């Protein structure tokens, strides 16, 4: 099994974002570092195929629900526009 080399890197993030990330990590019983690393790996390497992209656009448009499009400006805004 190959071991991935890692190094420390420092980032400046808004305090409210850090607190939100900590909360989400805790919900999954994960460390903040592991949670953020997983998010970054997904963002860096996950490329949806054409069918998935088309489905995402259809969902965002609201055509499936005949309602206004989803607000994707933030997680909270998206949840609100979904009625959650």
Protein backbone atom coordinates (compact mmCIF):
# COMPACT_ATOMS: atom_id res chain seq x y z
CA UNK A 1 0.00 0.00 0.00
CA UNK A 2 1.37 3.38 -1.01
CA UNK A 3 1.47 6.11 1.65
CA UNK A 4 0.62 9.62 0.44
CA UNK A 5 3.19 12.23 1.35
CA UNK A 6 1.74 15.23 3.11
CA UNK A 7 2.96 18.63 4.20
CA UNK A 8 1.56 21.40 6.35
CA UNK A 9 -0.01 24.39 4.63
CA UNK A 10 -1.59 27.39 6.26
CA UNK A 11 -4.75 29.13 4.99
CA UNK A 12 -6.57 32.21 6.22
CA UNK A 13 -10.31 31.55 6.35
CA UNK A 14 -13.23 33.47 7.83
CA UNK A 15 -13.97 32.45 11.41
CA UNK A 16 -17.60 31.62 10.63
CA UNK A 17 -16.49 29.27 7.82
CA UNK A 18 -14.06 27.48 10.15
CA UNK A 19 -16.79 27.07 12.77
CA UNK A 20 -19.19 25.71 10.14
CA UNK A 21 -16.56 23.24 8.91
CA UNK A 22 -15.90 22.11 12.49
CA UNK A 23 -19.61 21.50 13.01
CA UNK A 24 -19.93 19.50 9.78
CA UNK A 25 -16.82 17.47 10.62
CA UNK A 26 -18.15 16.70 14.11
CA UNK A 27 -21.46 15.48 12.64
CA UNK A 28 -19.48 12.89 10.68
CA UNK A 29 -17.20 12.02 13.62
CA UNK A 30 -14.18 13.24 11.66
CA UNK A 31 -11.35 15.61 12.42
CA UNK A 32 -11.48 19.06 10.87
CA UNK A 33 -8.32 18.26 8.91
CA UNK A 34 -9.75 15.01 7.52
CA UNK A 35 -13.05 16.66 6.63
CA UNK A 36 -11.42 19.57 4.79
CA UNK A 37 -8.97 17.25 3.03
CA UNK A 38 -11.88 15.11 1.80
CA UNK A 39 -13.74 18.17 0.51
CA UNK A 40 -10.66 19.43 -1.31
CA UNK A 41 -9.92 16.04 -2.85
CA UNK A 42 -13.49 15.81 -4.10
CA UNK A 43 -13.35 19.34 -5.54
CA UNK A 44 -9.97 18.76 -7.17
CA UNK A 45 -10.58 15.34 -8.69
CA UNK A 46 -14.33 14.83 -9.12
CA UNK A 47 -15.45 15.66 -12.63
CA UNK A 48 -19.08 14.80 -13.34
CA UNK A 49 -19.90 13.27 -16.72
CA UNK A 50 -22.13 14.95 -19.32
CA UNK A 51 -25.28 13.14 -18.14
CA UNK A 52 -24.71 14.21 -14.54
CA UNK A 53 -24.04 17.82 -15.58
CA UNK A 54 -27.30 17.86 -17.58
CA UNK A 55 -29.21 16.47 -14.58
CA UNK A 56 -27.65 19.07 -12.27
CA UNK A 57 -28.66 21.90 -14.63
CA UNK A 58 -32.19 20.53 -14.84
CA UNK A 59 -32.45 20.36 -11.04
CA UNK A 60 -30.98 23.85 -10.60
CA UNK A 61 -33.45 25.31 -13.11
CA UNK A 62 -36.45 24.21 -11.05
CA UNK A 63 -38.01 22.56 -14.11
CA UNK A 64 -38.55 19.34 -12.20
CA UNK A 65 -40.60 21.04 -9.52
CA UNK A 66 -42.04 23.83 -11.66
CA UNK A 67 -40.74 26.23 -9.05
CA UNK A 68 -38.12 28.94 -8.98
CA UNK A 69 -34.49 27.84 -9.48
CA UNK A 70 -32.39 26.77 -6.51
CA UNK A 71 -30.37 29.51 -4.83
CA UNK A 72 -26.83 28.14 -4.88
CA UNK A 73 -25.14 31.19 -3.37
CA UNK A 74 -24.55 29.31 -0.09
CA UNK A 75 -25.51 26.05 1.62
CA UNK A 76 -28.01 27.87 3.81
CA UNK A 77 -29.58 29.64 0.83
CA UNK A 78 -29.83 26.36 -1.10
CA UNK A 79 -31.49 24.60 1.83
CA UNK A 80 -33.95 27.47 2.20
CA UNK A 81 -34.81 27.43 -1.50
CA UNK A 82 -35.41 23.66 -1.19
CA UNK A 83 -37.82 24.24 1.69
CA UNK A 84 -35.57 22.61 4.29
